[in-house]
N, C-alpha and C. Protein backbone atom coordinates (compact mmCIF):
# COMPACT_ATOMS: atom_id res chain seq x y z
N MET A 1 112.40 110.55 114.48
CA MET A 1 112.50 111.88 113.92
C MET A 1 113.53 111.86 112.79
N THR A 2 113.13 112.33 111.63
CA THR A 2 114.01 112.34 110.48
C THR A 2 114.69 113.69 110.36
N TRP A 3 116.01 113.63 110.18
CA TRP A 3 116.75 114.87 109.98
C TRP A 3 116.61 115.30 108.54
N CYS A 4 116.35 116.57 108.33
CA CYS A 4 116.21 117.10 106.99
C CYS A 4 117.09 118.33 106.87
N PRO A 5 118.01 118.34 105.90
CA PRO A 5 118.87 119.51 105.76
C PRO A 5 118.05 120.73 105.34
N LYS A 6 118.60 121.89 105.62
CA LYS A 6 117.90 123.12 105.22
C LYS A 6 117.70 123.13 103.71
N PRO A 7 116.63 123.75 103.25
CA PRO A 7 116.41 123.81 101.80
C PRO A 7 117.52 124.60 101.12
N PHE A 8 117.92 124.15 99.96
CA PHE A 8 118.95 124.82 99.18
C PHE A 8 118.37 126.12 98.65
N VAL A 9 119.07 127.23 98.94
CA VAL A 9 118.59 128.55 98.54
C VAL A 9 119.60 129.21 97.61
N LEU A 10 119.11 129.66 96.48
CA LEU A 10 119.93 130.37 95.51
C LEU A 10 119.80 131.86 95.80
N ARG A 11 120.89 132.47 96.26
CA ARG A 11 120.88 133.92 96.48
C ARG A 11 121.16 134.60 95.14
N VAL A 12 120.39 135.64 94.85
CA VAL A 12 120.54 136.38 93.60
C VAL A 12 120.73 137.84 93.95
N LEU A 13 121.92 138.36 93.69
CA LEU A 13 122.24 139.73 94.03
C LEU A 13 122.04 140.63 92.81
N VAL A 14 121.19 141.64 92.98
CA VAL A 14 120.89 142.57 91.89
C VAL A 14 121.03 144.00 92.38
N ASN A 15 121.22 144.90 91.42
CA ASN A 15 121.21 146.33 91.69
C ASN A 15 119.87 146.85 91.19
N PRO A 16 118.92 147.15 92.08
CA PRO A 16 117.58 147.56 91.65
C PRO A 16 117.55 148.87 90.86
N VAL A 17 118.63 149.65 90.91
CA VAL A 17 118.70 150.86 90.11
C VAL A 17 118.74 150.49 88.62
N ASN A 18 119.35 149.36 88.32
CA ASN A 18 119.41 148.82 86.96
C ASN A 18 118.15 147.96 86.77
N THR A 19 117.01 148.61 86.67
CA THR A 19 115.69 147.98 86.75
C THR A 19 115.51 146.80 85.81
N ASP A 20 115.77 147.00 84.52
CA ASP A 20 115.52 145.93 83.55
C ASP A 20 116.37 144.70 83.83
N THR A 21 117.65 144.91 84.09
CA THR A 21 118.54 143.78 84.36
C THR A 21 118.14 143.09 85.66
N ALA A 22 117.82 143.86 86.69
CA ALA A 22 117.44 143.28 87.98
C ALA A 22 116.19 142.42 87.84
N LYS A 23 115.17 142.96 87.18
CA LYS A 23 113.91 142.21 87.01
C LYS A 23 114.13 140.95 86.19
N ALA A 24 114.87 141.07 85.10
CA ALA A 24 115.11 139.91 84.24
C ALA A 24 115.91 138.84 84.97
N THR A 25 116.91 139.26 85.74
CA THR A 25 117.75 138.30 86.47
C THR A 25 116.94 137.55 87.50
N VAL A 26 116.13 138.27 88.28
CA VAL A 26 115.31 137.62 89.31
C VAL A 26 114.28 136.70 88.65
N ARG A 27 113.65 137.16 87.58
CA ARG A 27 112.64 136.35 86.88
C ARG A 27 113.28 135.07 86.34
N ASP A 28 114.42 135.19 85.68
CA ASP A 28 115.08 134.01 85.11
C ASP A 28 115.56 133.06 86.20
N ALA A 29 116.08 133.62 87.29
CA ALA A 29 116.54 132.77 88.40
C ALA A 29 115.37 132.04 89.04
N GLN A 30 114.24 132.72 89.19
CA GLN A 30 113.06 132.09 89.77
C GLN A 30 112.57 130.94 88.88
N GLU A 31 112.57 131.18 87.58
CA GLU A 31 112.14 130.15 86.64
C GLU A 31 113.05 128.93 86.71
N ALA A 32 114.35 129.16 86.72
CA ALA A 32 115.31 128.06 86.80
C ALA A 32 115.21 127.34 88.14
N ALA A 33 115.09 128.11 89.22
CA ALA A 33 115.00 127.51 90.56
C ALA A 33 113.75 126.64 90.69
N THR A 34 112.65 127.13 90.17
CA THR A 34 111.39 126.36 90.23
C THR A 34 111.56 125.04 89.48
N ALA A 35 112.18 125.09 88.31
CA ALA A 35 112.38 123.87 87.51
C ALA A 35 113.26 122.86 88.24
N MET A 36 114.17 123.35 89.10
CA MET A 36 115.07 122.45 89.82
C MET A 36 114.62 122.18 91.25
N GLY A 37 113.48 122.73 91.63
CA GLY A 37 112.98 122.52 92.99
C GLY A 37 113.74 123.29 94.05
N LEU A 38 114.30 124.43 93.68
CA LEU A 38 115.07 125.26 94.61
C LEU A 38 114.29 126.51 94.99
N GLN A 39 114.75 127.17 96.01
CA GLN A 39 114.20 128.46 96.42
C GLN A 39 115.22 129.54 96.03
N ILE A 40 114.71 130.75 95.80
CA ILE A 40 115.64 131.86 95.59
C ILE A 40 115.40 132.93 96.64
N GLN A 41 116.44 133.68 96.90
CA GLN A 41 116.35 134.83 97.78
C GLN A 41 117.03 136.00 97.08
N PRO A 42 116.23 136.92 96.52
CA PRO A 42 116.84 138.10 95.91
C PRO A 42 117.42 139.02 96.98
N LEU A 43 118.58 139.57 96.69
CA LEU A 43 119.22 140.54 97.56
C LEU A 43 119.53 141.77 96.72
N ASN A 44 119.31 142.95 97.28
CA ASN A 44 119.55 144.19 96.57
C ASN A 44 120.77 144.90 97.14
N ALA A 45 121.51 145.56 96.24
CA ALA A 45 122.63 146.40 96.68
C ALA A 45 122.83 147.51 95.66
N THR A 46 122.78 148.74 96.15
CA THR A 46 123.02 149.90 95.28
C THR A 46 124.19 150.74 95.78
N THR A 47 124.68 150.40 96.97
CA THR A 47 125.80 151.12 97.56
C THR A 47 126.79 150.12 98.15
N ILE A 48 127.97 150.59 98.49
CA ILE A 48 128.96 149.72 99.12
C ILE A 48 128.43 149.21 100.46
N GLY A 49 127.75 150.06 101.20
CA GLY A 49 127.17 149.65 102.49
C GLY A 49 126.14 148.54 102.32
N GLU A 50 125.29 148.67 101.32
CA GLU A 50 124.28 147.63 101.06
C GLU A 50 124.93 146.34 100.59
N LEU A 51 126.01 146.46 99.85
CA LEU A 51 126.75 145.28 99.40
C LEU A 51 127.35 144.56 100.61
N ASP A 52 127.96 145.32 101.51
CA ASP A 52 128.50 144.73 102.74
C ASP A 52 127.40 144.07 103.56
N SER A 53 126.25 144.72 103.64
CA SER A 53 125.11 144.18 104.39
C SER A 53 124.60 142.88 103.76
N ALA A 54 124.54 142.84 102.42
CA ALA A 54 124.09 141.62 101.74
C ALA A 54 125.04 140.47 102.04
N PHE A 55 126.34 140.74 102.03
CA PHE A 55 127.31 139.69 102.33
C PHE A 55 127.26 139.28 103.79
N GLU A 56 126.98 140.22 104.67
CA GLU A 56 126.84 139.87 106.09
C GLU A 56 125.64 138.95 106.27
N THR A 57 124.55 139.23 105.58
CA THR A 57 123.36 138.37 105.63
C THR A 57 123.70 136.97 105.12
N MET A 58 124.41 136.91 103.99
CA MET A 58 124.77 135.60 103.42
C MET A 58 125.71 134.83 104.35
N ARG A 59 126.63 135.55 104.99
CA ARG A 59 127.55 134.88 105.92
C ARG A 59 126.79 134.33 107.13
N ARG A 60 125.91 135.16 107.68
CA ARG A 60 125.13 134.76 108.85
C ARG A 60 124.24 133.56 108.53
N GLU A 61 123.66 133.55 107.33
CA GLU A 61 122.74 132.48 106.94
C GLU A 61 123.43 131.33 106.22
N ARG A 62 124.76 131.41 106.13
CA ARG A 62 125.56 130.38 105.46
C ARG A 62 125.01 130.08 104.07
N ALA A 63 125.13 131.06 103.22
CA ALA A 63 124.59 130.97 101.86
C ALA A 63 125.13 129.75 101.12
N ASP A 64 124.23 129.11 100.38
CA ASP A 64 124.61 127.93 99.60
C ASP A 64 125.33 128.32 98.32
N VAL A 65 124.79 129.31 97.62
CA VAL A 65 125.35 129.72 96.33
C VAL A 65 124.83 131.12 96.01
N LEU A 66 125.61 131.84 95.20
CA LEU A 66 125.25 133.21 94.85
C LEU A 66 125.36 133.39 93.34
N VAL A 67 124.35 134.06 92.78
CA VAL A 67 124.40 134.49 91.38
C VAL A 67 124.39 136.01 91.42
N VAL A 68 125.35 136.61 90.74
CA VAL A 68 125.48 138.07 90.73
C VAL A 68 125.04 138.58 89.36
N ALA A 69 124.07 139.47 89.37
CA ALA A 69 123.55 140.04 88.12
C ALA A 69 124.62 140.90 87.45
N GLY A 70 124.51 141.01 86.14
CA GLY A 70 125.41 141.89 85.41
C GLY A 70 125.10 143.33 85.75
N ASP A 71 126.10 144.08 86.19
CA ASP A 71 125.90 145.47 86.58
C ASP A 71 127.26 146.15 86.70
N ALA A 72 127.37 147.36 86.18
CA ALA A 72 128.65 148.08 86.22
C ALA A 72 129.09 148.35 87.66
N PHE A 73 128.14 148.66 88.54
CA PHE A 73 128.47 148.89 89.95
C PHE A 73 129.15 147.65 90.54
N PHE A 74 128.62 146.46 90.24
CA PHE A 74 129.20 145.23 90.75
C PHE A 74 130.54 144.94 90.08
N LEU A 75 130.61 145.11 88.77
CA LEU A 75 131.85 144.81 88.05
C LEU A 75 133.01 145.65 88.58
N ASN A 76 132.74 146.90 88.91
CA ASN A 76 133.79 147.76 89.45
C ASN A 76 134.25 147.34 90.83
N ARG A 77 133.51 146.45 91.46
CA ARG A 77 133.87 145.94 92.79
C ARG A 77 134.18 144.44 92.76
N ARG A 78 134.65 143.96 91.61
CA ARG A 78 134.87 142.52 91.47
C ARG A 78 135.89 142.00 92.46
N THR A 79 136.90 142.79 92.80
CA THR A 79 137.88 142.34 93.80
C THR A 79 137.21 142.15 95.15
N GLN A 80 136.30 143.05 95.50
CA GLN A 80 135.55 142.92 96.74
C GLN A 80 134.69 141.65 96.71
N PHE A 81 134.04 141.38 95.59
CA PHE A 81 133.24 140.17 95.47
C PHE A 81 134.08 138.93 95.66
N VAL A 82 135.23 138.89 95.01
CA VAL A 82 136.11 137.73 95.10
C VAL A 82 136.58 137.55 96.54
N THR A 83 136.96 138.63 97.18
CA THR A 83 137.43 138.56 98.58
C THR A 83 136.33 138.06 99.50
N LEU A 84 135.12 138.61 99.37
CA LEU A 84 134.03 138.24 100.26
C LEU A 84 133.52 136.83 100.01
N THR A 85 133.41 136.43 98.74
CA THR A 85 132.95 135.06 98.48
C THR A 85 133.98 134.04 98.94
N ALA A 86 135.28 134.37 98.82
CA ALA A 86 136.32 133.46 99.31
C ALA A 86 136.29 133.39 100.83
N ARG A 87 136.18 134.55 101.48
CA ARG A 87 136.13 134.59 102.95
C ARG A 87 134.99 133.76 103.49
N ASP A 88 133.82 133.89 102.86
CA ASP A 88 132.62 133.22 103.36
C ASP A 88 132.37 131.87 102.70
N LYS A 89 133.30 131.47 101.81
CA LYS A 89 133.20 130.18 101.10
C LYS A 89 131.86 130.02 100.40
N ILE A 90 131.51 131.05 99.62
CA ILE A 90 130.25 131.04 98.87
C ILE A 90 130.57 130.82 97.39
N PRO A 91 130.14 129.71 96.83
CA PRO A 91 130.30 129.54 95.38
C PRO A 91 129.46 130.60 94.66
N ALA A 92 130.07 131.31 93.73
CA ALA A 92 129.35 132.40 93.06
C ALA A 92 129.53 132.31 91.55
N ALA A 93 128.44 132.64 90.87
CA ALA A 93 128.45 132.70 89.40
C ALA A 93 128.23 134.15 88.99
N PHE A 94 128.97 134.57 87.99
CA PHE A 94 128.94 135.95 87.53
C PHE A 94 128.60 136.00 86.04
N SER A 95 128.37 137.21 85.55
CA SER A 95 127.99 137.38 84.15
C SER A 95 129.17 137.72 83.24
N GLN A 96 130.35 137.96 83.83
CA GLN A 96 131.51 138.34 83.02
C GLN A 96 132.76 137.63 83.50
N ARG A 97 133.61 137.30 82.55
CA ARG A 97 134.85 136.59 82.85
C ARG A 97 135.80 137.40 83.73
N ALA A 98 135.68 138.73 83.78
CA ALA A 98 136.58 139.55 84.59
C ALA A 98 136.54 139.12 86.06
N TYR A 99 135.38 138.69 86.54
CA TYR A 99 135.28 138.21 87.92
C TYR A 99 136.12 136.94 88.10
N VAL A 100 136.05 136.04 87.14
CA VAL A 100 136.78 134.78 87.22
C VAL A 100 138.28 135.03 87.12
N GLU A 101 138.66 135.95 86.27
CA GLU A 101 140.07 136.31 86.16
C GLU A 101 140.59 136.90 87.47
N ALA A 102 139.70 137.56 88.22
CA ALA A 102 140.07 138.15 89.51
C ALA A 102 140.03 137.11 90.64
N GLY A 103 139.50 135.91 90.36
CA GLY A 103 139.46 134.86 91.39
C GLY A 103 138.08 134.33 91.69
N GLY A 104 137.05 134.80 91.00
CA GLY A 104 135.69 134.27 91.18
C GLY A 104 135.59 132.86 90.64
N LEU A 105 134.55 132.14 91.03
CA LEU A 105 134.42 130.73 90.67
C LEU A 105 134.10 130.52 89.19
N MET A 106 133.03 131.14 88.69
CA MET A 106 132.67 130.90 87.30
C MET A 106 131.81 132.02 86.75
N SER A 107 131.80 132.08 85.42
CA SER A 107 130.97 133.08 84.76
C SER A 107 130.37 132.50 83.49
N TYR A 108 129.22 133.04 83.15
CA TYR A 108 128.60 132.73 81.86
C TYR A 108 127.97 134.02 81.38
N GLY A 109 128.40 134.46 80.23
CA GLY A 109 127.85 135.70 79.70
C GLY A 109 128.40 136.00 78.32
N THR A 110 128.03 137.16 77.83
CA THR A 110 128.46 137.55 76.50
C THR A 110 129.97 137.68 76.44
N ASP A 111 130.52 137.37 75.29
CA ASP A 111 131.94 137.53 75.05
C ASP A 111 132.17 139.01 74.76
N ILE A 112 132.74 139.72 75.73
CA ILE A 112 132.93 141.17 75.63
C ILE A 112 133.80 141.54 74.42
N MET A 113 134.83 140.77 74.15
CA MET A 113 135.70 141.07 73.02
C MET A 113 134.93 140.98 71.70
N ASP A 114 134.01 140.03 71.60
CA ASP A 114 133.19 139.92 70.40
C ASP A 114 132.26 141.13 70.28
N SER A 115 131.75 141.60 71.41
CA SER A 115 130.91 142.80 71.39
C SER A 115 131.71 144.02 70.93
N PHE A 116 132.94 144.14 71.39
CA PHE A 116 133.79 145.24 70.94
C PHE A 116 134.05 145.15 69.43
N ARG A 117 134.24 143.93 68.94
CA ARG A 117 134.44 143.73 67.51
C ARG A 117 133.21 144.21 66.74
N GLN A 118 132.01 143.89 67.25
CA GLN A 118 130.78 144.33 66.58
C GLN A 118 130.69 145.86 66.57
N VAL A 119 131.10 146.51 67.65
CA VAL A 119 131.11 147.97 67.70
C VAL A 119 132.06 148.51 66.63
N GLY A 120 133.21 147.89 66.48
CA GLY A 120 134.16 148.32 65.46
C GLY A 120 133.60 148.18 64.05
N VAL A 121 132.89 147.09 63.80
CA VAL A 121 132.26 146.89 62.49
C VAL A 121 131.22 147.98 62.23
N TYR A 122 130.40 148.27 63.23
CA TYR A 122 129.40 149.34 63.09
C TYR A 122 130.07 150.68 62.83
N THR A 123 131.10 150.97 63.60
CA THR A 123 131.82 152.24 63.42
C THR A 123 132.37 152.35 62.01
N GLY A 124 132.94 151.27 61.51
CA GLY A 124 133.47 151.26 60.15
C GLY A 124 132.39 151.54 59.12
N LYS A 125 131.21 150.95 59.31
CA LYS A 125 130.10 151.18 58.37
C LYS A 125 129.65 152.65 58.39
N ILE A 126 129.60 153.23 59.58
CA ILE A 126 129.19 154.63 59.71
C ILE A 126 130.23 155.54 59.07
N LEU A 127 131.51 155.25 59.31
CA LEU A 127 132.58 156.06 58.72
C LEU A 127 132.59 155.96 57.19
N LYS A 128 132.06 154.86 56.67
CA LYS A 128 131.99 154.69 55.21
C LYS A 128 130.69 155.26 54.63
N GLY A 129 129.89 155.93 55.48
CA GLY A 129 128.71 156.62 54.98
C GLY A 129 127.36 156.05 55.35
N ALA A 130 127.30 154.91 56.03
CA ALA A 130 126.01 154.33 56.41
C ALA A 130 125.34 155.22 57.46
N LYS A 131 124.04 155.30 57.38
CA LYS A 131 123.28 156.06 58.37
C LYS A 131 123.02 155.16 59.58
N PRO A 132 123.34 155.62 60.78
CA PRO A 132 123.14 154.79 61.96
C PRO A 132 121.71 154.26 62.08
N ALA A 133 120.73 155.06 61.72
CA ALA A 133 119.32 154.63 61.82
C ALA A 133 119.01 153.49 60.87
N ASP A 134 119.81 153.32 59.82
CA ASP A 134 119.58 152.25 58.84
C ASP A 134 120.24 150.93 59.23
N LEU A 135 121.11 150.97 60.23
CA LEU A 135 121.81 149.76 60.65
C LEU A 135 120.93 148.95 61.60
N PRO A 136 120.94 147.63 61.46
CA PRO A 136 120.11 146.79 62.34
C PRO A 136 120.66 146.77 63.77
N VAL A 137 119.78 146.56 64.71
CA VAL A 137 120.18 146.38 66.10
C VAL A 137 120.66 144.94 66.24
N LEU A 138 121.83 144.77 66.81
CA LEU A 138 122.38 143.43 66.99
C LEU A 138 122.33 143.01 68.45
N GLN A 139 122.13 141.72 68.64
CA GLN A 139 122.23 141.15 69.96
C GLN A 139 123.46 140.25 69.99
N SER A 140 124.03 140.10 71.16
CA SER A 140 125.19 139.22 71.28
C SER A 140 124.81 137.81 70.88
N THR A 141 125.69 137.18 70.16
CA THR A 141 125.47 135.79 69.77
C THR A 141 126.57 134.87 70.27
N LYS A 142 127.62 135.46 70.79
CA LYS A 142 128.74 134.66 71.29
C LYS A 142 128.80 134.78 72.81
N PHE A 143 128.69 133.65 73.47
CA PHE A 143 128.72 133.60 74.93
C PHE A 143 129.88 132.72 75.35
N GLU A 144 130.34 132.93 76.60
CA GLU A 144 131.45 132.11 77.08
C GLU A 144 131.20 131.68 78.53
N PHE A 145 131.64 130.45 78.80
CA PHE A 145 131.55 129.85 80.12
C PHE A 145 132.98 129.66 80.61
N VAL A 146 133.33 130.34 81.71
CA VAL A 146 134.70 130.32 82.23
C VAL A 146 134.67 129.85 83.68
N ILE A 147 135.60 128.97 84.01
CA ILE A 147 135.70 128.40 85.36
C ILE A 147 137.10 128.68 85.90
N ASN A 148 137.18 129.01 87.19
CA ASN A 148 138.46 129.15 87.86
C ASN A 148 138.66 127.89 88.70
N ARG A 149 139.53 127.01 88.22
CA ARG A 149 139.74 125.71 88.90
C ARG A 149 140.40 125.88 90.26
N HIS A 150 141.28 126.87 90.39
CA HIS A 150 141.92 127.13 91.68
C HIS A 150 140.87 127.50 92.72
N THR A 151 139.94 128.38 92.35
CA THR A 151 138.87 128.79 93.27
C THR A 151 137.98 127.61 93.61
N ALA A 152 137.68 126.78 92.62
CA ALA A 152 136.85 125.60 92.86
C ALA A 152 137.51 124.70 93.91
N ARG A 153 138.81 124.46 93.76
CA ARG A 153 139.52 123.63 94.74
C ARG A 153 139.49 124.27 96.12
N ALA A 154 139.68 125.59 96.19
CA ALA A 154 139.68 126.30 97.48
C ALA A 154 138.31 126.19 98.16
N LEU A 155 137.25 126.09 97.36
CA LEU A 155 135.90 125.94 97.91
C LEU A 155 135.53 124.48 98.17
N GLY A 156 136.42 123.57 97.81
CA GLY A 156 136.15 122.15 97.99
C GLY A 156 135.21 121.59 96.94
N ILE A 157 135.19 122.22 95.77
CA ILE A 157 134.31 121.79 94.69
C ILE A 157 135.14 121.07 93.64
N GLU A 158 134.76 119.85 93.34
CA GLU A 158 135.43 119.11 92.27
C GLU A 158 134.56 119.24 91.02
N MET A 159 135.11 119.91 90.03
CA MET A 159 134.37 120.12 88.79
C MET A 159 134.31 118.81 88.01
N PRO A 160 133.10 118.33 87.73
CA PRO A 160 132.99 117.09 86.95
C PRO A 160 133.59 117.28 85.54
N PRO A 161 134.16 116.22 84.99
CA PRO A 161 134.75 116.31 83.65
C PRO A 161 133.75 116.83 82.60
N GLY A 162 132.48 116.48 82.74
CA GLY A 162 131.47 116.94 81.79
C GLY A 162 131.31 118.45 81.81
N VAL A 163 131.41 119.04 83.01
CA VAL A 163 131.30 120.50 83.12
C VAL A 163 132.56 121.15 82.53
N LEU A 164 133.70 120.60 82.87
CA LEU A 164 134.95 121.15 82.33
C LEU A 164 134.99 121.05 80.80
N SER A 165 134.39 120.00 80.26
CA SER A 165 134.44 119.80 78.81
C SER A 165 133.60 120.85 78.06
N ILE A 166 132.62 121.44 78.72
CA ILE A 166 131.80 122.45 78.02
C ILE A 166 132.26 123.87 78.31
N ALA A 167 133.23 124.00 79.23
CA ALA A 167 133.76 125.34 79.53
C ALA A 167 134.58 125.84 78.35
N ASP A 168 134.43 127.13 78.05
CA ASP A 168 135.25 127.74 77.02
C ASP A 168 136.68 127.90 77.50
N GLU A 169 136.82 128.09 78.82
CA GLU A 169 138.16 128.21 79.41
C GLU A 169 138.11 127.80 80.86
N ALA A 170 139.13 127.09 81.30
CA ALA A 170 139.29 126.72 82.69
C ALA A 170 140.61 127.35 83.15
N ILE A 171 140.47 128.37 83.96
CA ILE A 171 141.64 129.12 84.45
C ILE A 171 142.25 128.38 85.64
N GLU A 172 143.56 128.23 85.62
CA GLU A 172 144.27 127.62 86.74
C GLU A 172 144.70 128.73 87.65
């Protein structure tokens, strides 16, 4: 009889109220998981109770890894995410560096400061007389990958030098 470890499952936490982001996150995660031969398990949370329930499920099932969708509801609870992922020893990836600054493992997402700069440029153009309808719609072009090395060590994860070399910042 051959022992086979449980299949690696990527948990993806989304807020279904944020429909477009939730659908895109699950779709992209499924595509990536399929390419890597992994399974995904989407989890929904729209309230603090549902968030607690999702973490209880992950703790009970000994979650392998968690990806948290970008969502204001989640961002406002980043301390709770950091506390729960640390308690349950769940490596988690987030969409904003604020989670990593609070103690989360890693993030990859738009550079918020660059987005604020773009808003300032737009505001300046409008104040100088440009019509908002005439200005082009911009998409973020600057992204950042941030790792919390302290959290990685606490989770027993040794970040390979190649991963650290592509990080925009490695927080100690």
